[in-house]
Protein backbone atom coordinates (compact mmCIF):
# COMPACT_ATOMS: atom_id res chain seq x y z
CA MET A 1 0.00 0.00 0.00
CA LYS A 2 1.34 3.39 -0.89
CA ARG A 3 1.92 5.98 1.77
CA GLU A 4 -0.94 8.18 0.51
CA GLU A 5 -3.38 5.23 0.52
CA MET A 6 -2.36 4.34 4.09
CA ARG A 7 -2.95 7.90 5.21
CA GLN A 8 -6.37 7.95 3.56
CA SER A 9 -7.23 4.60 5.14
CA LYS A 10 -6.30 5.92 8.60
CA PHE A 11 -8.37 9.03 7.96
CA VAL A 12 -11.40 6.95 6.93
CA ARG A 13 -11.07 4.73 10.02
CA ALA A 14 -10.71 7.76 12.31
CA GLY A 15 -13.76 9.34 10.69
CA GLY A 16 -15.76 6.15 11.15
CA LEU A 17 -14.74 5.93 14.79
CA ALA A 18 -15.71 9.57 15.33
CA ILE A 19 -19.16 8.88 13.86
CA VAL A 20 -19.66 5.88 16.15
CA VAL A 21 -18.61 7.94 19.18
CA LEU A 22 -21.02 10.72 18.21
CA VAL A 23 -23.92 8.30 17.73
CA VAL A 24 -23.29 6.63 21.09
CA ALA A 25 -22.93 10.00 22.83
CA ALA A 26 -26.15 11.28 21.24
CA LYS A 27 -28.02 8.15 22.35
CA LEU A 28 -26.76 8.48 25.92
CA PHE A 29 -27.69 12.18 25.97
CA ALA A 30 -31.18 11.38 24.65
CA GLN A 31 -31.63 8.75 27.38
CA ALA A 32 -30.50 11.17 30.07
CA ASN A 33 -32.89 13.78 28.69
CA VAL A 34 -35.91 11.44 28.69
CA ILE A 35 -35.05 10.25 32.20
CA GLU A 36 -34.89 13.86 33.38
CA GLN A 37 -38.21 14.62 31.66
CA ARG A 38 -40.02 11.72 33.30
CA GLN A 39 -38.52 12.51 36.70
CA ASN A 40 -39.68 16.12 36.34
CA LEU A 41 -43.16 14.93 35.38
CA MET A 42 -43.30 12.66 38.43
CA LYS A 43 -42.21 15.57 40.63
CA LEU A 44 -45.05 17.64 39.15
CA ASN A 45 -47.50 14.85 40.00
CA SER A 46 -46.11 14.60 43.51
CA GLY A 47 -46.46 18.35 43.97
CA ALA A 48 -50.02 18.22 42.64
CA ALA A 49 -50.88 15.42 45.08
CA ARG A 50 -49.48 17.43 47.99
CA ALA A 51 -51.50 20.46 46.86
CA ILE A 52 -54.61 18.27 46.68
CA ARG A 53 -54.05 17.09 50.26
CA VAL A 54 -53.78 20.71 51.46
CA ALA A 55 -56.82 21.74 49.41
CA ILE A 56 -58.90 18.88 50.83
CA GLU A 57 -58.03 19.98 54.36
CA ALA A 58 -59.14 23.52 53.44
CA LYS A 59 -62.23 22.17 51.63
CA ASP A 60 -61.00 23.99 48.52
CA TYR A 61 -62.54 21.61 46.02
CA ALA A 62 -61.87 23.89 43.04
CA THR A 63 -58.13 23.44 43.63
CA VAL A 64 -58.63 19.70 44.13
CA GLY A 65 -60.25 19.53 40.69
CA THR A 66 -57.59 21.69 39.06
CA LYS A 67 -54.74 19.61 40.46
CA ALA A 68 -56.50 16.35 39.54
CA ARG A 69 -56.75 17.63 35.94
CA GLU A 70 -53.04 18.49 36.08
CA ILE A 71 -52.26 14.89 37.01
CA MET A 72 -54.50 13.65 34.17
CA SER A 73 -52.71 15.94 31.71
CA ASN A 74 -49.30 14.77 32.91
CA ASN A 75 -50.47 11.18 32.65
CA THR A 76 -50.90 11.48 28.88
CA LYS A 77 -47.09 11.77 28.65
CA ILE A 78 -46.03 9.04 31.07
CA THR A 79 -45.76 5.97 28.85
CA GLY A 80 -44.01 7.96 26.10
CA LEU A 81 -41.29 8.94 28.55
CA PHE A 82 -40.20 5.33 28.99
CA PRO A 83 -38.76 4.33 25.60
CA LYS A 84 -37.09 0.94 25.47
CA GLY A 85 -33.56 1.02 26.75
CA SER A 86 -33.87 4.23 28.76
CA THR A 87 -32.35 2.65 31.82
CA THR A 88 -28.86 4.11 31.62
CA GLY A 89 -28.26 6.87 34.12
CA LYS A 90 -29.87 7.97 37.35
CA THR A 91 -33.21 6.18 37.22
CA ARG A 92 -35.21 3.87 39.41
CA ALA A 93 -37.25 2.49 36.52
CA THR A 94 -37.16 -1.31 36.56
CA ALA A 95 -37.01 -3.66 33.59
CA ALA A 96 -40.61 -4.66 34.39
CA ILE A 97 -41.75 -1.48 32.59
CA TRP A 98 -40.62 -2.94 29.27
CA GLU A 99 -41.09 -6.62 30.13
CA LYS A 100 -44.72 -5.97 31.15
CA ALA A 101 -45.47 -3.00 28.93
CA GLU A 102 -49.18 -3.80 28.79
CA ASP A 103 -49.38 -3.85 32.60
CA PHE A 104 -47.47 -0.58 32.76
CA ALA A 105 -49.92 1.01 30.31
CA LYS A 106 -52.85 -0.30 32.40
CA ALA A 107 -51.31 1.18 35.54
CA SER A 108 -50.99 4.50 33.75
CA LYS A 109 -54.65 4.34 32.72
CA GLY A 110 -55.53 3.47 36.33
CA LEU A 111 -53.86 6.68 37.47
CA GLU A 112 -55.76 8.64 34.85
CA ARG A 113 -59.05 7.06 35.95
CA ALA A 114 -58.35 7.77 39.63
CA ALA A 115 -57.52 11.42 38.90
CA SER A 116 -60.65 11.75 36.76
CA GLU A 117 -62.81 10.29 39.54
CA LEU A 118 -61.22 12.66 42.04
CA GLU A 119 -61.97 15.60 39.77
CA ALA A 120 -65.60 14.48 39.49
CA ALA A 121 -65.86 14.07 43.27
CA ALA A 122 -64.42 17.55 43.79
CA LYS A 123 -67.23 18.97 41.65
CA THR A 124 -69.79 17.46 44.01
CA GLY A 125 -68.16 18.95 47.09
CA ASN A 126 -68.90 15.72 48.98
CA GLU A 127 -66.10 15.55 51.53
CA ALA A 128 -66.32 11.79 52.12
CA GLU A 129 -66.30 11.05 48.39
CA VAL A 130 -63.37 13.40 47.78
CA ASN A 131 -61.39 11.71 50.56
CA THR A 132 -62.20 8.26 49.16
CA LYS A 133 -61.16 9.25 45.64
CA PHE A 134 -57.98 10.88 46.93
CA ARG A 135 -57.03 7.63 48.66
CA SER A 136 -57.70 5.82 45.37
CA LEU A 137 -55.38 8.22 43.59
CA GLY A 138 -52.66 7.52 46.15
CA GLU A 139 -53.20 3.79 45.75
CA ALA A 140 -52.88 4.09 41.96
CA CYS A 141 -49.56 5.89 42.36
CA ALA A 142 -48.28 3.46 44.98
CA SER A 143 -49.23 0.32 43.07
CA CYS A 144 -47.42 1.51 39.95
CA HIS A 145 -44.35 2.49 41.95
CA LYS A 146 -44.35 -0.87 43.73
CA ALA A 147 -44.51 -2.78 40.44
CA PHE A 148 -42.26 -0.64 38.26
CA ARG A 149 -39.90 1.44 40.40
CA ALA A 150 -36.86 0.26 42.31
CA GLU A 151 -36.55 1.24 45.94
CA ARG A 152 -33.99 3.77 47.01
CA ASP A 153 -30.98 2.45 48.84
CA GLY A 154 -31.97 2.02 52.46
CA GLU A 155 -35.72 1.75 51.77
């Protein structure tokens, strides 16, 4: 092989390696981004649930309904924020999400249903019904977390 051909061959290999590195880096960045997005969404839901608890204590059923709708709106994004393979990085998502994707989707729909029922109860102003539906919302969150989220160290 002539010297010029060897240099071109090295250049082509280096270029190919650079492309592979860029593709891998882009994929890892995309995973980190989707993990951050879903964690932010879960924090929004947690904040909405805390606001609902405070609103129930104050008998502020308009806020209960508003925050329940917020959870329903967030819920429409949940399953899309768990693309296959998005387990690299700081996440507590378990493999069960992808292994039991149908169950995960059902759990997401269960959360949506619970939030919808809470919103409807808030419109009635019936304290006992609102409390019952709020407990159901908490149970929907907890059951999904139990099935699809790893515990923190020390939990």
